[in-house]
Amino acid sequence: MKKTKLLLIDDERPLLFNLKRILEFEDYEVITASNGIEGLQQYETELPDLIICDIMMPDMDGYHFIESLRSKGFTNAPFIFLTAKSEYDDLRTGMSFGADDYLVKPVKSAQLIDAINTRLMRKKEINFPLEQKLQQLENGFTLITNQEFFATINDIISYLQLLKNNNNIAADAVATQEYMNYIEMSINRLLQLLNKVKYWRDQEENIQSKSSAIEYVHTKELAEKTCKIISEKYNRKSDVIIDIQGNVVIPLTKDIFETLLVELIDNAFKFSEKGNPIIINTAVEDAAYIITIADCGKNSDAESLIAFKPFSLDAKPIKHHPGIGLGLAIAQIIIKNAKGTIEITDNKPCGILVKISLPIVV
């Protein structure tokens, strides 16, 4: 296990040696410096987890050291001042420069260890939400790369290998064109995946401009157009049954609303087999715009879809799921930002039923 690294700065050699020995006995890694100038060099080289610094030193005192440190953007490490001065004004001056704590010389080893542990624990508490978020992102991107990204890359490599092994490309033009089409489809799949990840990140961080004007969404036209495009993509135009009612103003731009429809309708096609119907309805009920999408697939169930979070710490691929679940996550964020609701239930006797309610802007 990696040791916690401390930077200890003091011009009193005997004290520096004694404190270093005490801290190393407590299993810390200790780097030392005799003044602020040496301290800056050591910090930039070693990037310690915490700094303990005397105030009165030659060449560069503790005040100028911490001021230089902060001006260079080094603000992450907790900072403890050591001082022989116990007057209140002197101590407050040290804190005003950005110190987290101070100890008055002669310092007892128990006091020093307690102050270090307290500051490191506080740093951990402050950084925990960020670390958790980074772990979630790492886990989510690992899931994406393992299940989708590398699978698509392998497809591209395989088709390229087939092309290389085709010794008579001119004579086998049909097969060559087929391989090229598959490569193009795989590349487009990668681009769509990367765009989904970027869109998810933007929505999660609420980057979408809050000043965007609310647009009048021609829901019927947009829904029919989206259904047509996606059904053609899966060669399943005859499977779609639609009943689109209502042109209303909802708190989403046209592009965002279209993204919502694309993600949910595309999922319905992924979850179901060719020849099984996909039913899409929209209606206005009690000042809300209701969208329902039902499929008759056998590849998933409502419980697993609801529980799955692609960027959670324990995210794993959904059993029998044809994708990674990122599209549904994007849809959920869009609906949440619009102050709407989404319900996912089992569509008896089989399949998934998704019901979205979006507020109507009067």
Protein backbone atom coordinates (compact mmCIF):
# COMPACT_ATOMS: atom_id res chain seq x y z
CA MET A 1 0.00 0.00 0.00
CA LYS A 2 1.31 3.44 -0.95
CA LYS A 3 2.47 5.51 2.01
CA THR A 4 1.12 8.98 2.73
CA LYS A 5 3.78 11.50 1.68
CA LEU A 6 4.50 14.52 3.91
CA LEU A 7 6.63 17.59 3.16
CA LEU A 8 8.30 18.95 6.32
CA ILE A 9 9.91 22.42 6.09
CA ASP A 10 11.94 23.94 8.96
CA ASP A 11 15.32 25.65 9.26
CA GLU A 12 16.09 24.11 12.68
CA ARG A 13 18.04 21.02 11.72
CA PRO A 14 17.69 19.12 15.03
CA LEU A 15 13.92 19.71 15.10
CA LEU A 16 13.62 18.75 11.42
CA PHE A 17 15.48 15.50 12.07
CA ASN A 18 13.45 14.61 15.18
CA LEU A 19 10.08 15.31 13.54
CA LYS A 20 11.09 13.32 10.47
CA ARG A 21 12.01 10.33 12.64
CA ILE A 22 8.74 10.53 14.59
CA LEU A 23 6.64 10.71 11.40
CA GLU A 24 8.53 7.88 9.70
CA PHE A 25 7.95 5.76 12.81
CA GLU A 26 4.22 6.39 12.19
CA ASP A 27 4.75 4.94 8.69
CA TYR A 28 4.65 8.22 6.76
CA GLU A 29 7.02 8.98 3.89
CA VAL A 30 8.74 12.25 4.81
CA ILE A 31 10.50 14.73 2.49
CA THR A 32 12.33 17.65 4.13
CA ALA A 33 13.41 21.17 3.23
CA SER A 34 15.20 23.88 5.24
CA ASN A 35 13.38 26.92 3.79
CA GLY A 36 10.55 27.96 1.48
CA ILE A 37 12.65 27.94 -1.70
CA GLU A 38 13.73 24.33 -1.14
CA GLY A 39 10.16 23.55 -0.11
CA LEU A 40 8.76 24.77 -3.44
CA GLN A 41 11.25 22.64 -5.36
CA GLN A 42 10.41 19.58 -3.27
CA TYR A 43 6.68 20.13 -3.64
CA GLU A 44 6.81 20.40 -7.45
CA THR A 45 8.99 17.26 -7.62
CA GLU A 46 7.28 15.08 -5.00
CA LEU A 47 3.65 16.36 -4.86
CA PRO A 48 3.14 15.47 -1.19
CA ASP A 49 -0.22 14.71 0.41
CA LEU A 50 0.28 17.25 3.24
CA ILE A 51 2.67 20.07 4.16
CA ILE A 52 4.03 20.99 7.61
CA CYS A 53 5.90 24.31 7.47
CA ASP A 54 7.68 26.61 9.91
CA ILE A 55 6.90 30.33 9.67
CA MET A 56 10.18 32.06 10.56
CA MET A 57 12.86 30.84 8.10
CA PRO A 58 15.70 32.43 6.10
CA ASP A 59 15.53 33.13 2.33
CA MET A 60 11.76 32.48 2.15
CA ASP A 61 9.57 32.36 5.25
CA GLY A 62 6.40 30.29 5.65
CA TYR A 63 4.06 33.13 4.65
CA HIS A 64 5.82 33.70 1.34
CA PHE A 65 6.09 29.96 0.77
CA ILE A 66 2.36 29.31 1.05
CA GLU A 67 1.62 32.44 -1.00
CA SER A 68 3.93 31.21 -3.78
CA LEU A 69 2.45 27.73 -3.56
CA ARG A 70 -1.13 28.97 -3.94
CA SER A 71 -0.18 31.38 -6.76
CA LYS A 72 1.19 28.41 -8.73
CA GLY A 73 -2.16 26.65 -8.39
CA PHE A 74 -1.05 24.07 -5.82
CA THR A 75 -4.10 24.05 -3.57
CA ASN A 76 -4.80 20.36 -3.06
CA ALA A 77 -2.46 19.50 -0.17
CA PRO A 78 -3.56 20.42 3.38
CA PHE A 79 -1.20 22.91 5.05
CA ILE A 80 -0.15 23.02 8.73
CA PHE A 81 1.94 25.91 10.09
CA LEU A 82 4.52 25.45 12.82
CA THR A 83 5.24 28.61 14.79
CA ALA A 84 7.08 29.71 17.90
CA LYS A 85 4.75 32.70 18.11
CA SER A 86 1.55 32.18 20.05
CA GLU A 87 0.04 35.66 19.67
CA TYR A 88 -3.42 35.53 18.17
CA ASP A 89 -2.74 38.06 15.38
CA ASP A 90 0.25 36.07 14.12
CA LEU A 91 -1.78 32.88 14.06
CA ARG A 92 -4.66 34.55 12.18
CA THR A 93 -2.17 35.88 9.61
CA GLY A 94 -1.08 32.34 8.86
CA MET A 95 -4.66 31.19 8.43
CA SER A 96 -5.44 34.11 6.11
CA PHE A 97 -2.75 32.86 3.72
CA GLY A 98 -4.69 29.62 3.32
CA ALA A 99 -3.28 27.39 6.08
CA ASP A 100 -5.61 24.65 7.32
CA ASP A 101 -4.19 24.40 10.83
CA TYR A 102 -1.31 25.56 13.04
CA LEU A 103 0.76 24.10 15.85
CA VAL A 104 2.79 26.10 18.38
CA LYS A 105 6.36 25.05 19.11
CA PRO A 106 7.48 23.07 20.99
CA VAL A 107 5.01 20.65 19.48
CA LYS A 108 4.23 17.29 21.05
CA SER A 109 4.34 14.25 18.81
CA ALA A 110 0.75 13.26 19.72
CA GLN A 111 -0.49 16.74 18.77
CA LEU A 112 1.36 16.59 15.47
CA ILE A 113 0.04 13.12 14.55
CA ASP A 114 -3.51 14.11 15.54
CA ALA A 115 -3.36 17.30 13.43
CA ILE A 116 -2.04 15.36 10.41
CA ASN A 117 -4.71 12.66 10.68
CA THR A 118 -7.47 15.25 11.11
CA ARG A 119 -6.39 17.22 8.03
CA LEU A 120 -5.97 14.10 5.88
CA MET A 121 -9.39 12.83 6.94
CA ARG A 122 -10.94 16.21 6.10
CA LYS A 123 -9.27 16.15 2.69
CA LYS A 124 -10.66 12.66 2.07
CA GLU A 125 -14.18 13.80 3.03
CA ILE A 126 -13.98 16.78 0.66
CA ASN A 127 -12.60 14.71 -2.22
CA PHE A 128 -14.92 11.71 -1.71
CA PRO A 129 -17.80 12.92 -3.98
CA LEU A 130 -15.34 13.67 -6.79
CA GLU A 131 -13.53 10.35 -6.35
CA GLN A 132 -16.84 8.50 -6.35
CA LYS A 133 -17.89 10.29 -9.53
CA LEU A 134 -14.58 9.42 -11.20
CA GLN A 135 -14.99 5.78 -10.18
CA GLN A 136 -18.49 5.77 -11.64
CA LEU A 137 -17.22 7.24 -14.91
CA GLU A 138 -14.33 4.78 -15.04
CA ASN A 139 -16.68 1.87 -14.44
CA GLY A 140 -19.16 3.14 -17.02
CA PHE A 141 -16.54 3.70 -19.69
CA THR A 142 -15.04 0.27 -18.95
CA LEU A 143 -18.46 -1.25 -19.55
CA ILE A 144 -18.83 0.69 -22.78
CA THR A 145 -15.39 -0.16 -24.12
CA ASN A 146 -15.58 -3.84 -23.17
CA GLN A 147 -19.07 -4.54 -24.44
CA GLU A 148 -19.53 -2.18 -27.36
CA PHE A 149 -16.38 -0.38 -28.41
CA PHE A 150 -14.02 -3.34 -28.75
CA ALA A 151 -16.73 -5.52 -30.24
CA THR A 152 -17.22 -2.94 -33.00
CA ILE A 153 -13.47 -2.53 -33.53
CA ASN A 154 -13.17 -6.30 -33.88
CA ASP A 155 -15.93 -6.27 -36.51
CA ILE A 156 -14.05 -3.64 -38.51
CA ILE A 157 -10.77 -5.58 -38.26
CA SER A 158 -12.51 -8.80 -39.33
CA TYR A 159 -14.05 -7.24 -42.46
CA LEU A 160 -10.77 -5.55 -43.35
CA GLN A 161 -9.05 -8.92 -43.04
CA LEU A 162 -11.62 -10.47 -45.37
CA LEU A 163 -10.89 -7.73 -47.90
CA LYS A 164 -7.14 -8.32 -47.63
CA ASN A 165 -7.60 -12.06 -48.11
CA ASN A 166 -9.78 -11.59 -51.19
CA ASN A 167 -7.28 -12.24 -53.97
CA ASN A 168 -9.63 -11.25 -56.75
CA ILE A 169 -11.45 -8.12 -55.61
CA ALA A 170 -12.40 -7.06 -59.12
CA ALA A 171 -14.09 -10.38 -59.87
CA ASP A 172 -15.88 -10.50 -56.53
CA ALA A 173 -17.32 -7.00 -56.55
CA VAL A 174 -20.54 -7.97 -54.75
CA ALA A 175 -18.73 -9.45 -51.75
CA THR A 176 -16.31 -6.54 -51.65
CA GLN A 177 -19.17 -4.05 -51.58
CA GLU A 178 -20.84 -6.03 -48.81
CA TYR A 179 -17.68 -5.94 -46.68
CA MET A 180 -17.35 -2.19 -47.29
CA ASN A 181 -20.96 -1.66 -46.22
CA TYR A 182 -20.37 -3.59 -42.99
CA ILE A 183 -17.25 -1.52 -42.27
CA GLU A 184 -19.19 1.69 -42.85
CA MET A 185 -21.98 0.51 -40.55
CA SER A 186 -19.48 -0.37 -37.83
CA ILE A 187 -17.78 3.03 -38.06
CA ASN A 188 -21.16 4.76 -37.83
CA ARG A 189 -21.95 2.63 -34.77
CA LEU A 190 -18.75 3.83 -33.11
CA LEU A 191 -19.55 7.47 -33.89
CA GLN A 192 -23.06 7.05 -32.47
CA LEU A 193 -21.64 5.52 -29.32
CA LEU A 194 -19.14 8.35 -28.82
CA ASN A 195 -21.88 10.92 -29.44
CA LYS A 196 -24.08 9.20 -26.85
CA VAL A 197 -21.30 9.30 -24.26
CA LYS A 198 -20.69 13.00 -24.93
CA TYR A 199 -24.40 13.75 -24.81
CA TRP A 200 -24.81 11.81 -21.56
CA ARG A 201 -21.93 13.76 -20.01
CA ASP A 202 -23.33 17.11 -21.15
CA GLN A 203 -26.80 16.30 -19.83
CA GLU A 204 -25.47 14.89 -16.56
CA GLU A 205 -23.47 18.06 -15.97
CA ASN A 206 -26.48 20.13 -17.02
CA ILE A 207 -24.49 21.90 -19.74
CA GLN A 208 -27.62 22.37 -21.80
CA SER A 209 -28.26 26.13 -21.92
CA LYS A 210 -30.94 27.20 -19.53
CA SER A 211 -31.58 30.26 -21.64
CA SER A 212 -32.63 28.22 -24.67
CA ALA A 213 -36.01 29.40 -25.91
CA ILE A 214 -38.85 26.94 -25.59
CA GLU A 215 -39.88 25.89 -29.08
CA TYR A 216 -43.24 24.81 -30.39
CA VAL A 217 -42.66 21.13 -31.01
CA HIS A 218 -44.63 19.62 -33.91
CA THR A 219 -44.87 16.31 -32.09
CA LYS A 220 -46.90 14.47 -34.71
CA GLU A 221 -44.55 15.30 -37.55
CA LEU A 222 -41.41 14.67 -35.52
CA ALA A 223 -42.65 11.37 -34.03
CA GLU A 224 -43.75 10.03 -37.42
CA LYS A 225 -40.46 11.06 -38.99
CA THR A 226 -38.45 9.41 -36.20
CA CYS A 227 -40.47 6.18 -36.44
CA LYS A 228 -39.97 6.08 -40.19
CA ILE A 229 -36.19 6.57 -39.99
CA ILE A 230 -35.66 3.98 -37.26
CA SER A 231 -38.01 1.39 -38.76
CA GLU A 232 -36.16 1.69 -42.07
CA LYS A 233 -32.87 1.31 -40.23
CA TYR A 234 -34.05 -2.06 -38.85
CA ASN A 235 -35.98 -2.96 -42.05
CA ARG A 236 -39.21 -3.21 -40.02
CA LYS A 237 -41.59 -0.59 -41.42
CA SER A 238 -44.54 -2.97 -41.27
CA ASP A 239 -44.01 -3.61 -37.53
CA VAL A 240 -44.81 -0.05 -36.40
CA ILE A 241 -48.29 0.98 -35.24
CA ILE A 242 -48.58 4.67 -34.36
CA ASP A 243 -51.31 6.92 -33.02
CA ILE A 244 -49.88 10.43 -32.62
CA GLN A 245 -52.12 13.08 -31.10
CA GLY A 246 -51.42 16.66 -30.01
CA ASN A 247 -49.04 19.45 -30.98
CA VAL A 248 -48.05 21.12 -27.73
CA VAL A 249 -45.34 23.31 -26.19
CA ILE A 250 -43.11 21.32 -23.84
CA PRO A 251 -39.96 22.45 -21.97
CA LEU A 252 -37.58 20.89 -24.48
CA THR A 253 -36.01 22.14 -27.67
CA LYS A 254 -36.76 20.34 -30.91
CA ASP A 255 -33.31 18.69 -30.98
CA ILE A 256 -33.59 17.44 -27.40
CA PHE A 257 -37.12 16.13 -27.94
CA GLU A 258 -35.98 14.35 -31.08
CA THR A 259 -33.09 12.78 -29.15
CA LEU A 260 -35.55 11.54 -26.53
CA LEU A 261 -37.75 9.91 -29.19
CA VAL A 262 -34.79 8.39 -31.02
CA GLU A 263 -33.33 6.77 -27.91
CA LEU A 264 -36.64 5.28 -26.71
CA ILE A 265 -37.96 4.14 -30.10
CA ASP A 266 -34.57 2.69 -31.05
CA ASN A 267 -34.60 0.70 -27.80
CA ALA A 268 -38.03 -0.71 -28.67
CA PHE A 269 -36.61 -2.07 -31.93
CA LYS A 270 -33.53 -3.46 -30.19
CA PHE A 271 -35.62 -5.24 -27.56
CA SER A 272 -37.94 -6.97 -30.02
CA GLU A 273 -37.65 -9.31 -32.97
CA LYS A 274 -38.67 -8.63 -36.54
CA GLY A 275 -42.34 -9.37 -37.14
CA ASN A 276 -43.42 -8.31 -33.62
CA PRO A 277 -45.34 -5.04 -33.38
CA ILE A 278 -44.07 -1.80 -31.83
CA ILE A 279 -46.87 0.50 -30.70
CA ILE A 280 -46.29 4.24 -30.25
CA ASN A 281 -48.99 6.53 -28.88
CA THR A 282 -49.04 10.16 -27.81
CA ALA A 283 -51.87 12.08 -26.15
CA VAL A 284 -52.66 15.10 -23.98
CA GLU A 285 -53.97 14.29 -20.50
CA ASP A 286 -54.49 16.78 -17.64
CA ALA A 287 -51.98 19.40 -18.90
CA ALA A 288 -49.38 16.70 -19.59
CA TYR A 289 -48.04 15.30 -22.83
CA ILE A 290 -48.07 11.50 -22.63
CA ILE A 291 -45.91 9.23 -24.79
CA THR A 292 -46.23 5.45 -24.62
CA ILE A 293 -43.97 3.02 -26.44
CA ALA A 294 -44.63 -0.71 -26.25
CA ASP A 295 -42.73 -3.61 -27.75
CA CYS A 296 -43.30 -7.36 -27.70
CA GLY A 297 -39.72 -8.46 -27.26
CA LYS A 298 -38.31 -11.17 -25.01
CA ASN A 299 -34.81 -9.79 -24.47
CA SER A 300 -35.36 -7.82 -21.28
CA ASP A 301 -37.68 -7.07 -18.38
CA ALA A 302 -38.77 -3.88 -16.61
CA GLU A 303 -37.06 -4.69 -13.31
CA SER A 304 -33.58 -5.07 -14.81
CA LEU A 305 -33.98 -1.96 -16.97
CA ILE A 306 -35.06 0.17 -14.00
CA ALA A 307 -32.20 -1.11 -11.82
CA PHE A 308 -29.48 -0.68 -14.44
CA LYS A 309 -27.33 2.49 -14.31
CA PRO A 310 -24.56 2.46 -16.93
CA PHE A 311 -22.28 4.76 -14.90
CA SER A 312 -22.87 3.31 -11.44
CA LEU A 313 -20.06 1.71 -9.46
CA ASP A 314 -21.47 -1.80 -9.88
CA ALA A 315 -22.74 -1.49 -13.45
CA LYS A 316 -22.76 -4.73 -15.41
CA PRO A 317 -24.24 -5.56 -18.82
CA ILE A 318 -27.97 -6.31 -18.71
CA LYS A 319 -28.64 -9.98 -19.31
CA HIS A 320 -29.84 -10.60 -22.87
CA HIS A 321 -29.70 -6.85 -23.50
CA PRO A 322 -28.60 -5.95 -27.06
CA GLY A 323 -26.89 -2.69 -26.00
CA ILE A 324 -25.26 -1.00 -23.00
CA GLY A 325 -28.28 0.92 -21.65
CA LEU A 326 -26.82 4.35 -22.32
CA GLY A 327 -29.74 5.41 -24.54
CA LEU A 328 -32.22 4.83 -21.74
CA ALA A 329 -29.97 6.71 -19.30
CA ILE A 330 -29.92 9.68 -21.70
CA ALA A 331 -33.71 9.59 -22.01
CA GLN A 332 -34.11 9.53 -18.22
CA ILE A 333 -31.87 12.58 -17.81
CA ILE A 334 -33.77 14.52 -20.50
CA ILE A 335 -37.10 13.71 -18.83
CA LYS A 336 -35.74 14.66 -15.40
CA ASN A 337 -34.44 18.01 -16.68
CA ALA A 338 -37.87 18.71 -18.17
CA LYS A 339 -39.48 17.88 -14.78
CA GLY A 340 -41.31 14.97 -16.35
CA THR A 341 -41.71 11.35 -15.31
CA ILE A 342 -40.98 7.98 -16.86
CA GLU A 343 -42.52 4.61 -16.00
CA ILE A 344 -41.13 1.31 -17.24
CA THR A 345 -43.32 -1.76 -16.81
CA ASP A 346 -43.62 -5.23 -18.27
CA ASN A 347 -45.90 -5.31 -21.30
CA LYS A 348 -48.02 -8.42 -20.71
CA PRO A 349 -47.66 -11.09 -21.99
CA CYS A 350 -44.19 -10.04 -23.15
CA GLY A 351 -42.09 -6.99 -23.88
CA ILE A 352 -41.58 -3.57 -22.31
CA LEU A 353 -44.00 -0.66 -21.90
CA VAL A 354 -42.51 2.82 -21.46
CA LYS A 355 -44.74 5.71 -20.44
CA ILE A 356 -43.42 9.29 -20.39
CA SER A 357 -45.24 12.30 -19.01
CA LEU A 358 -43.93 15.78 -19.92
CA PRO A 359 -45.39 19.02 -18.59
CA ILE A 360 -47.15 21.26 -21.14
CA VAL A 361 -46.11 24.91 -21.18
CA VAL A 362 -49.21 27.11 -21.26
